[in-house]
N, C-alpha and C. Protein backbone atom coordinates (compact mmCIF):
# COMPACT_ATOMS: atom_id res chain seq x y z
N UNK A 1 27.63 20.84 -21.15
CA UNK A 1 28.40 19.85 -20.64
C UNK A 1 28.34 19.16 -21.70
N UNK A 2 29.95 18.23 -22.21
CA UNK A 2 30.04 18.01 -22.91
C UNK A 2 29.57 16.07 -22.77
N UNK A 3 29.54 15.54 -23.88
CA UNK A 3 29.00 14.34 -23.58
C UNK A 3 29.69 13.41 -22.71
N UNK A 4 31.27 13.62 -22.42
CA UNK A 4 32.15 12.67 -21.43
C UNK A 4 31.44 13.23 -19.97
N UNK A 5 31.53 14.95 -19.81
CA UNK A 5 30.96 15.13 -18.69
C UNK A 5 29.65 14.81 -18.13
N UNK A 6 28.91 14.87 -19.14
CA UNK A 6 27.47 14.42 -19.06
C UNK A 6 27.16 12.72 -18.67
N UNK A 7 28.22 12.26 -19.03
CA UNK A 7 28.09 10.52 -18.90
C UNK A 7 28.72 10.33 -17.61
N UNK A 8 29.98 11.26 -17.06
CA UNK A 8 30.52 10.96 -15.59
C UNK A 8 29.28 11.59 -14.52
N UNK A 9 28.98 12.87 -15.19
CA UNK A 9 27.67 13.03 -14.00
C UNK A 9 26.41 12.42 -13.92
N UNK A 10 25.97 11.58 -14.75
CA UNK A 10 24.81 10.76 -14.94
C UNK A 10 25.21 9.48 -13.79
N UNK A 11 26.49 8.93 -14.06
CA UNK A 11 27.22 7.97 -13.63
C UNK A 11 27.11 8.01 -11.77
N UNK A 12 27.88 9.36 -11.75
CA UNK A 12 28.16 9.86 -10.20
C UNK A 12 26.28 9.88 -9.47
N UNK A 13 25.72 10.39 -10.24
CA UNK A 13 24.40 10.52 -9.89
C UNK A 13 23.78 9.50 -9.72
N UNK A 14 23.72 8.46 -10.52
CA UNK A 14 22.86 7.22 -10.52
C UNK A 14 23.60 6.33 -9.07
N UNK A 15 24.96 6.24 -9.05
CA UNK A 15 25.89 5.76 -7.87
C UNK A 15 25.34 6.20 -6.69
N UNK A 16 25.23 7.66 -6.53
CA UNK A 16 24.78 8.37 -5.27
C UNK A 16 23.40 7.96 -4.88
N UNK A 17 22.58 8.04 -6.01
CA UNK A 17 21.21 8.02 -5.73
C UNK A 17 20.83 6.66 -5.60
N UNK A 18 20.93 5.65 -6.21
CA UNK A 18 20.62 4.56 -5.89
C UNK A 18 21.28 3.79 -5.09
N UNK A 19 22.56 3.59 -4.25
CA UNK A 19 22.84 3.34 -3.53
C UNK A 19 22.62 3.64 -2.34
N UNK A 20 21.84 5.26 -1.84
CA UNK A 20 21.75 5.52 -0.64
C UNK A 20 20.15 5.44 -0.75
N UNK A 21 19.38 5.15 -1.87
CA UNK A 21 18.17 5.16 -1.94
C UNK A 21 17.67 3.64 -1.45
N UNK A 22 18.73 2.76 -2.11
CA UNK A 22 18.57 1.41 -1.64
C UNK A 22 18.83 1.22 -0.63
N UNK A 23 19.85 1.76 0.02
CA UNK A 23 20.39 1.49 1.47
C UNK A 23 19.16 1.69 2.51
N UNK A 24 18.77 3.18 2.32
CA UNK A 24 17.53 3.42 3.15
C UNK A 24 16.33 2.63 2.93
N UNK A 25 15.96 2.02 2.09
CA UNK A 25 14.86 1.20 1.68
C UNK A 25 15.24 0.07 2.37
N UNK A 26 16.30 -0.48 2.37
CA UNK A 26 16.46 -1.96 2.72
C UNK A 26 16.79 -1.46 4.38
N UNK A 27 17.25 -0.63 4.79
CA UNK A 27 17.00 -0.52 6.18
C UNK A 27 16.00 0.00 7.00
N UNK A 28 15.22 0.65 6.38
CA UNK A 28 13.89 1.08 6.52
C UNK A 28 12.70 -0.62 7.18
N UNK A 29 13.09 -1.11 5.84
CA UNK A 29 12.27 -2.41 5.59
C UNK A 29 12.88 -3.62 6.46
N UNK A 30 14.21 -3.93 6.35
CA UNK A 30 14.97 -4.90 7.09
C UNK A 30 15.50 -4.69 8.52
N UNK A 31 15.80 -3.52 8.69
CA UNK A 31 16.66 -3.18 9.99
C UNK A 31 17.87 -3.14 9.68
N UNK A 32 19.02 -2.56 10.17
CA UNK A 32 20.19 -2.72 9.71
C UNK A 32 20.71 -3.64 10.60
N UNK A 33 21.12 -4.93 9.89
CA UNK A 33 21.58 -6.04 10.43
C UNK A 33 22.33 -6.81 9.21
N UNK A 34 23.08 -8.00 9.58
CA UNK A 34 23.91 -8.50 8.70
C UNK A 34 23.50 -8.92 7.61
N UNK A 35 22.23 -9.40 7.54
CA UNK A 35 21.57 -9.92 6.52
C UNK A 35 21.07 -8.53 5.19
N UNK A 36 20.51 -7.46 6.05
CA UNK A 36 20.11 -6.36 5.20
C UNK A 36 21.65 -5.87 4.72
N UNK A 37 22.62 -6.00 5.19
CA UNK A 37 24.13 -5.61 4.37
C UNK A 37 24.43 -6.62 3.37
N UNK A 38 24.10 -7.72 3.50
CA UNK A 38 24.43 -8.84 2.26
C UNK A 38 23.62 -8.50 1.28
N UNK A 39 22.00 -8.51 1.38
CA UNK A 39 21.15 -8.21 0.17
C UNK A 39 21.75 -6.95 -0.03
N UNK A 40 22.32 -6.02 0.53
CA UNK A 40 22.64 -4.49 -0.04
C UNK A 40 23.67 -4.78 -0.99
N UNK A 41 24.66 -5.32 -0.57
CA UNK A 41 25.97 -5.90 -1.42
C UNK A 41 25.69 -6.31 -2.64
N UNK A 42 24.84 -7.71 -2.62
CA UNK A 42 23.99 -8.21 -3.72
C UNK A 42 23.60 -7.43 -4.61
N UNK A 43 22.78 -6.47 -4.30
CA UNK A 43 21.75 -5.70 -5.22
C UNK A 43 22.15 -4.63 -5.58
N UNK A 44 23.20 -3.93 -5.09
CA UNK A 44 23.43 -2.49 -5.18
C UNK A 44 24.26 -2.21 -6.57
N UNK A 45 25.05 -3.34 -6.66
CA UNK A 45 25.93 -3.21 -8.41
C UNK A 45 24.44 -3.27 -9.50
N UNK A 46 23.53 -4.48 -9.61
CA UNK A 46 22.75 -4.19 -10.80
C UNK A 46 21.35 -3.32 -10.45
N UNK A 47 21.77 -2.36 -9.40
CA UNK A 47 20.76 -1.28 -9.22
C UNK A 47 21.57 -0.17 -9.93
N UNK A 48 22.68 0.19 -9.87
CA UNK A 48 23.21 1.08 -9.93
C UNK A 48 23.23 1.05 -11.64
N UNK A 49 23.77 -0.07 -12.19
CA UNK A 49 23.69 -0.34 -13.88
C UNK A 49 22.46 -0.07 -14.26
N UNK A 50 21.17 -0.84 -13.60
CA UNK A 50 20.01 -0.36 -14.16
C UNK A 50 19.51 1.29 -14.30
N UNK A 51 20.16 1.95 -13.21
CA UNK A 51 19.47 3.29 -13.04
C UNK A 51 20.74 4.24 -14.05
N UNK A 52 21.51 3.67 -14.44
CA UNK A 52 22.34 4.46 -15.25
C UNK A 52 22.06 4.07 -16.82
N UNK A 53 21.50 2.76 -17.47
CA UNK A 53 21.46 3.01 -18.36
C UNK A 53 20.01 3.36 -18.83
N UNK A 54 19.03 3.48 -18.00
CA UNK A 54 17.31 4.12 -18.03
C UNK A 54 18.11 5.61 -18.07
N UNK A 55 19.01 6.02 -17.39
CA UNK A 55 19.24 7.61 -17.19
C UNK A 55 19.80 7.96 -18.74
N UNK A 56 20.63 7.16 -19.04
CA UNK A 56 21.49 7.54 -20.50
C UNK A 56 20.23 7.39 -21.23
N UNK A 57 19.69 5.76 -21.73
CA UNK A 57 18.55 5.65 -22.75
C UNK A 57 17.11 6.33 -22.64
N UNK A 58 16.76 6.40 -21.49
CA UNK A 58 15.34 6.72 -21.44
C UNK A 58 15.44 8.35 -21.12
N UNK A 59 15.63 8.33 -19.83
CA UNK A 59 15.36 10.01 -19.25
C UNK A 59 15.84 10.99 -19.68
N UNK A 60 17.27 10.82 -20.19
CA UNK A 60 18.14 11.90 -20.83
C UNK A 60 17.20 12.57 -22.28
N UNK A 61 17.21 11.31 -23.01
CA UNK A 61 16.00 11.65 -23.96
C UNK A 61 14.70 12.35 -23.46
N UNK A 62 14.29 12.02 -22.76
CA UNK A 62 13.09 12.51 -22.32
C UNK A 62 12.82 13.89 -21.92
N UNK A 63 13.88 14.31 -20.97
CA UNK A 63 14.15 15.33 -20.15
C UNK A 63 14.46 16.19 -21.84
N UNK A 64 15.60 15.73 -22.67
CA UNK A 64 15.98 16.61 -23.87
C UNK A 64 14.63 17.30 -24.41
N UNK A 65 13.74 16.47 -24.81
CA UNK A 65 12.28 16.58 -25.60
C UNK A 65 11.53 17.57 -24.86
N UNK A 66 11.41 17.07 -23.59
CA UNK A 66 10.86 18.14 -22.89
C UNK A 66 11.30 19.78 -22.89
N UNK A 67 12.63 19.67 -22.75
CA UNK A 67 13.20 21.02 -22.49
C UNK A 67 13.17 21.52 -23.71
N UNK A 68 13.06 21.46 -24.84
CA UNK A 68 12.92 21.69 -26.02
C UNK A 68 11.22 22.18 -26.35
N UNK A 69 10.34 21.36 -25.82
CA UNK A 69 9.02 21.89 -25.76
C UNK A 69 8.91 22.86 -24.57
N UNK A 70 9.52 22.79 -23.79
CA UNK A 70 8.89 23.79 -22.28
C UNK A 70 9.83 25.20 -22.41
N UNK A 71 10.84 25.06 -23.32
CA UNK A 71 11.73 26.67 -23.46
C UNK A 71 11.73 27.20 -25.02
N UNK A 72 10.57 26.58 -25.64
CA UNK A 72 10.12 27.19 -27.19
C UNK A 72 9.65 28.56 -27.19
N UNK A 73 8.88 28.67 -26.23
CA UNK A 73 8.57 30.00 -26.46
C UNK A 73 9.61 31.38 -25.80
N UNK A 74 10.75 31.24 -25.36
CA UNK A 74 11.55 31.77 -24.48
C UNK A 74 12.66 32.14 -25.59
N UNK A 75 13.01 33.63 -25.47
CA UNK A 75 14.16 34.06 -26.17
C UNK A 75 15.38 34.55 -25.48
N UNK A 76 15.25 34.66 -23.82
CA UNK A 76 16.30 35.19 -23.18
C UNK A 76 17.25 34.25 -23.07
N UNK A 77 18.36 33.83 -23.21
CA UNK A 77 19.44 33.05 -23.06
C UNK A 77 19.34 32.38 -21.62
N UNK A 78 19.58 33.29 -20.67
CA UNK A 78 19.68 32.94 -19.34
C UNK A 78 18.30 32.29 -19.02
N UNK A 79 17.22 32.75 -19.47
CA UNK A 79 15.68 32.01 -19.03
C UNK A 79 15.75 31.00 -19.69
N UNK A 80 16.29 30.65 -20.78
CA UNK A 80 16.10 29.15 -21.21
C UNK A 80 17.04 28.31 -20.21
N UNK A 81 18.19 28.99 -20.22
CA UNK A 81 18.85 28.19 -19.02
C UNK A 81 18.39 27.70 -18.17
N UNK A 82 17.92 28.64 -17.58
CA UNK A 82 17.32 28.40 -16.07
C UNK A 82 16.30 27.11 -16.18
N UNK A 83 15.36 27.76 -17.18
CA UNK A 83 14.07 26.99 -17.30
C UNK A 83 14.47 25.46 -17.78
N UNK A 84 15.77 25.21 -18.72
CA UNK A 84 16.04 23.92 -19.00
C UNK A 84 16.80 23.01 -17.88
N UNK A 85 17.43 23.83 -17.14
CA UNK A 85 17.90 23.06 -15.95
C UNK A 85 17.06 22.65 -14.76
N UNK A 86 15.54 22.99 -14.87
CA UNK A 86 14.87 22.91 -13.45
C UNK A 86 13.97 21.95 -14.42
N UNK A 87 13.65 22.06 -15.74
CA UNK A 87 12.60 20.83 -16.28
C UNK A 87 13.43 19.38 -16.21
N UNK A 88 15.10 19.97 -16.58
CA UNK A 88 15.79 18.38 -16.84
C UNK A 88 15.89 17.63 -15.06
N UNK A 89 15.88 18.93 -14.17
CA UNK A 89 16.28 18.36 -12.74
C UNK A 89 15.03 17.67 -12.56
N UNK A 90 13.75 18.50 -12.55
CA UNK A 90 12.22 17.65 -12.30
C UNK A 90 11.92 16.19 -13.01
N UNK A 91 12.22 16.48 -14.35
CA UNK A 91 12.00 15.02 -15.27
C UNK A 91 12.91 13.95 -14.63
N UNK A 92 14.12 14.65 -14.38
CA UNK A 92 14.91 12.96 -13.93
C UNK A 92 14.72 12.58 -12.62
N UNK A 93 14.04 13.49 -11.53
CA UNK A 93 14.17 13.08 -10.27
C UNK A 93 12.36 12.43 -10.46
N UNK A 94 11.51 12.77 -10.89
CA UNK A 94 10.47 11.94 -11.16
C UNK A 94 10.32 10.52 -11.96
N UNK A 95 10.81 10.86 -13.01
CA UNK A 95 11.11 9.28 -13.58
C UNK A 95 11.91 8.44 -12.95
N UNK A 96 13.08 8.91 -12.68
CA UNK A 96 13.88 7.89 -11.88
C UNK A 96 13.28 7.32 -10.63
N UNK A 97 12.46 8.23 -10.03
CA UNK A 97 12.28 7.78 -8.55
C UNK A 97 11.03 6.85 -8.95
N UNK A 98 10.00 7.64 -9.69
CA UNK A 98 8.94 6.44 -10.45
C UNK A 98 9.19 4.92 -10.59
N UNK A 99 10.44 5.15 -11.68
CA UNK A 99 11.07 3.83 -12.30
C UNK A 99 11.70 3.05 -11.08
N UNK A 100 12.26 3.80 -10.13
CA UNK A 100 13.42 2.84 -9.56
C UNK A 100 12.53 2.38 -8.36
N UNK A 101 11.87 2.83 -8.05
CA UNK A 101 10.55 2.66 -6.82
C UNK A 101 9.73 1.75 -7.06
N UNK A 102 9.31 1.73 -8.38
CA UNK A 102 8.53 0.80 -8.91
C UNK A 102 9.10 -0.63 -9.02
N UNK A 103 10.49 -0.57 -9.87
CA UNK A 103 11.22 -1.74 -9.79
C UNK A 103 11.34 -2.51 -8.46
N UNK A 104 11.58 -1.31 -7.35
CA UNK A 104 12.37 -2.48 -6.13
C UNK A 104 10.96 -3.12 -5.71
N UNK A 105 9.71 -2.33 -5.69
CA UNK A 105 8.60 -2.91 -5.01
C UNK A 105 8.14 -4.11 -5.98
N UNK A 106 8.60 -4.58 -7.42
CA UNK A 106 7.99 -5.30 -8.36
C UNK A 106 9.40 -6.59 -7.75
N UNK A 107 10.32 -6.44 -7.40
CA UNK A 107 11.62 -7.21 -7.13
C UNK A 107 11.27 -7.69 -5.78
N UNK A 108 10.72 -7.03 -4.69
CA UNK A 108 10.55 -7.75 -3.50
C UNK A 108 9.09 -8.10 -3.58
N UNK A 109 8.47 -8.26 -4.46
CA UNK A 109 6.99 -8.58 -4.31
C UNK A 109 6.16 -8.09 -3.87
N UNK A 110 6.09 -6.71 -3.75
CA UNK A 110 5.15 -6.01 -2.70
C UNK A 110 4.19 -5.26 -3.65
N UNK A 111 4.50 -5.10 -5.01
CA UNK A 111 3.71 -4.51 -5.74
C UNK A 111 2.24 -5.01 -5.70
N UNK A 112 1.83 -6.05 -6.26
CA UNK A 112 0.86 -6.91 -6.37
C UNK A 112 0.10 -7.09 -5.24
N UNK A 113 0.44 -6.64 -4.09
CA UNK A 113 -0.26 -6.62 -2.76
C UNK A 113 -0.86 -5.32 -2.56
N UNK A 114 -0.21 -4.22 -3.21
CA UNK A 114 -0.62 -2.91 -2.73
C UNK A 114 -1.90 -2.36 -3.29
N UNK A 115 -3.08 -1.36 -2.56
CA UNK A 115 -3.57 -0.85 -3.41
C UNK A 115 -3.25 0.15 -4.22
N UNK A 116 -4.05 0.91 -5.34
CA UNK A 116 -3.65 2.11 -5.55
C UNK A 116 -3.06 3.32 -4.83
N UNK A 117 -4.06 3.71 -3.66
CA UNK A 117 -3.63 4.60 -2.97
C UNK A 117 -2.34 4.59 -2.15
N UNK A 118 -2.18 2.99 -1.46
CA UNK A 118 -0.92 2.65 -0.83
C UNK A 118 0.45 2.71 -2.03
N UNK A 119 0.34 2.33 -3.50
CA UNK A 119 1.37 2.70 -4.07
C UNK A 119 1.47 4.14 -4.61
N UNK A 120 0.48 5.38 -4.23
CA UNK A 120 0.82 6.27 -4.52
C UNK A 120 1.05 7.21 -3.40
N UNK A 121 0.82 6.76 -2.15
CA UNK A 121 1.76 7.20 -1.25
C UNK A 121 3.23 6.75 -1.14
N UNK A 122 3.31 5.21 -1.16
CA UNK A 122 4.73 5.11 -1.34
C UNK A 122 5.67 5.63 -2.42
N UNK A 123 5.14 5.83 -3.40
CA UNK A 123 5.52 6.72 -4.44
C UNK A 123 6.11 8.39 -3.99
N UNK A 124 5.37 8.83 -3.29
CA UNK A 124 5.63 10.31 -2.82
C UNK A 124 6.31 10.04 -1.38
N UNK A 125 6.36 9.37 -0.91
CA UNK A 125 7.10 9.14 0.26
C UNK A 125 8.42 9.14 -0.25
N UNK A 126 8.77 7.77 -1.34
CA UNK A 126 10.30 7.48 -1.72
C UNK A 126 10.47 8.90 -2.53
N UNK A 127 9.55 9.57 -3.20
CA UNK A 127 10.20 10.87 -3.99
C UNK A 127 10.36 11.98 -2.76
N UNK A 128 9.86 12.06 -1.87
CA UNK A 128 9.97 13.32 -0.98
C UNK A 128 11.52 12.70 -0.28
N UNK A 129 11.95 11.58 0.22
CA UNK A 129 13.18 11.22 0.34
C UNK A 129 14.10 11.48 -0.41
N UNK A 130 13.83 10.94 -1.71
CA UNK A 130 14.79 11.15 -3.19
C UNK A 130 15.48 12.98 -3.42
N UNK A 131 14.16 13.66 -3.05
CA UNK A 131 14.34 14.96 -3.12
C UNK A 131 15.45 15.62 -2.46
N UNK A 132 15.25 15.30 -1.06
CA UNK A 132 16.37 15.81 0.05
C UNK A 132 17.47 14.97 -0.19
N UNK A 133 17.41 13.83 -0.58
CA UNK A 133 18.95 13.50 -0.21
C UNK A 133 20.00 13.62 -1.44
N UNK A 134 18.98 13.96 -2.51
CA UNK A 134 19.74 14.54 -3.91
C UNK A 134 19.92 16.14 -3.55
N UNK A 135 18.99 16.86 -3.18
CA UNK A 135 19.52 18.16 -2.81
C UNK A 135 20.54 18.35 -1.72
N UNK A 136 20.51 17.71 -0.57
CA UNK A 136 21.25 18.03 0.51
C UNK A 136 22.72 17.00 0.25
N UNK A 137 22.66 16.01 -0.20
CA UNK A 137 23.74 14.96 0.23
C UNK A 137 24.60 14.79 -1.30
N UNK A 138 24.11 14.35 -2.49
CA UNK A 138 24.58 13.87 -3.72
C UNK A 138 24.74 14.89 -4.47
N UNK A 139 23.81 16.19 -4.90
CA UNK A 139 24.13 17.01 -5.86
C UNK A 139 25.41 18.08 -5.40
N UNK A 140 25.39 18.26 -3.99
CA UNK A 140 26.87 18.90 -3.58
C UNK A 140 28.36 18.54 -3.19
N UNK A 141 28.22 16.89 -3.13
CA UNK A 141 29.01 16.10 -3.46
C UNK A 141 29.63 15.99 -5.05
N UNK A 142 28.60 15.80 -6.06
CA UNK A 142 28.82 15.54 -7.19
C UNK A 142 29.54 16.84 -7.99
N UNK A 143 28.96 18.08 -7.52
CA UNK A 143 29.29 19.51 -7.92
C UNK A 143 30.64 19.60 -7.58
N UNK A 144 30.90 18.98 -6.34
CA UNK A 144 32.73 19.32 -5.94
C UNK A 144 33.31 18.73 -6.72
N UNK A 145 33.09 17.18 -6.87
CA UNK A 145 33.86 16.42 -7.92
C UNK A 145 34.11 16.90 -9.12
N UNK A 146 32.87 17.39 -9.46
CA UNK A 146 33.03 17.74 -11.41
C UNK A 146 33.86 19.08 -11.15
N UNK A 147 33.65 20.12 -10.18
CA UNK A 147 34.63 21.05 -10.25
C UNK A 147 35.93 20.89 -10.22
N UNK A 148 36.14 20.19 -9.10
CA UNK A 148 37.61 19.68 -8.70
C UNK A 148 38.19 19.12 -10.39
N UNK A 149 37.47 18.34 -11.04
CA UNK A 149 37.94 17.31 -12.21
C UNK A 149 38.30 18.71 -13.33
N UNK A 150 37.53 19.53 -13.01
CA UNK A 150 37.51 20.52 -14.40
C UNK A 150 38.60 21.16 -13.85
N UNK A 151 39.11 21.58 -12.37
CA UNK A 151 40.47 22.64 -12.42
C UNK A 151 41.62 21.99 -12.80
N UNK A 152 41.39 20.36 -12.68
CA UNK A 152 42.85 19.84 -12.33
C UNK A 152 43.19 19.57 -14.34
């Protein structure tokens, strides 16, 4: 992918994941009501911006480093590409999910009141939800958009 394509992909991914995960978290905690929609409307923009900046500046560099380390012993180009995609995908999911869920817990004031076990269970709950949302909803939509832009 070119830099422009990678930035567009990152923006679309951050927009889809941040907005859907924020909405689900708020709906689960507050219920679907007018106040939830107001809070969601106020917080979704900064959340997407934070996720995009974090992704571009930190997570993409970390995943690039892990890809270099993880593909060093490989010589087959298709094996390198397959492992690089897997490493990049899991690094993005794990780091973004951990950072964004911790940020949400900090912002709503619940992190200080959680035990370590509660934090770990909360993280794995969020990670499971993010995994399915990414693979079932967000990625297919982004892939359709990206292939449609390349054809045009």
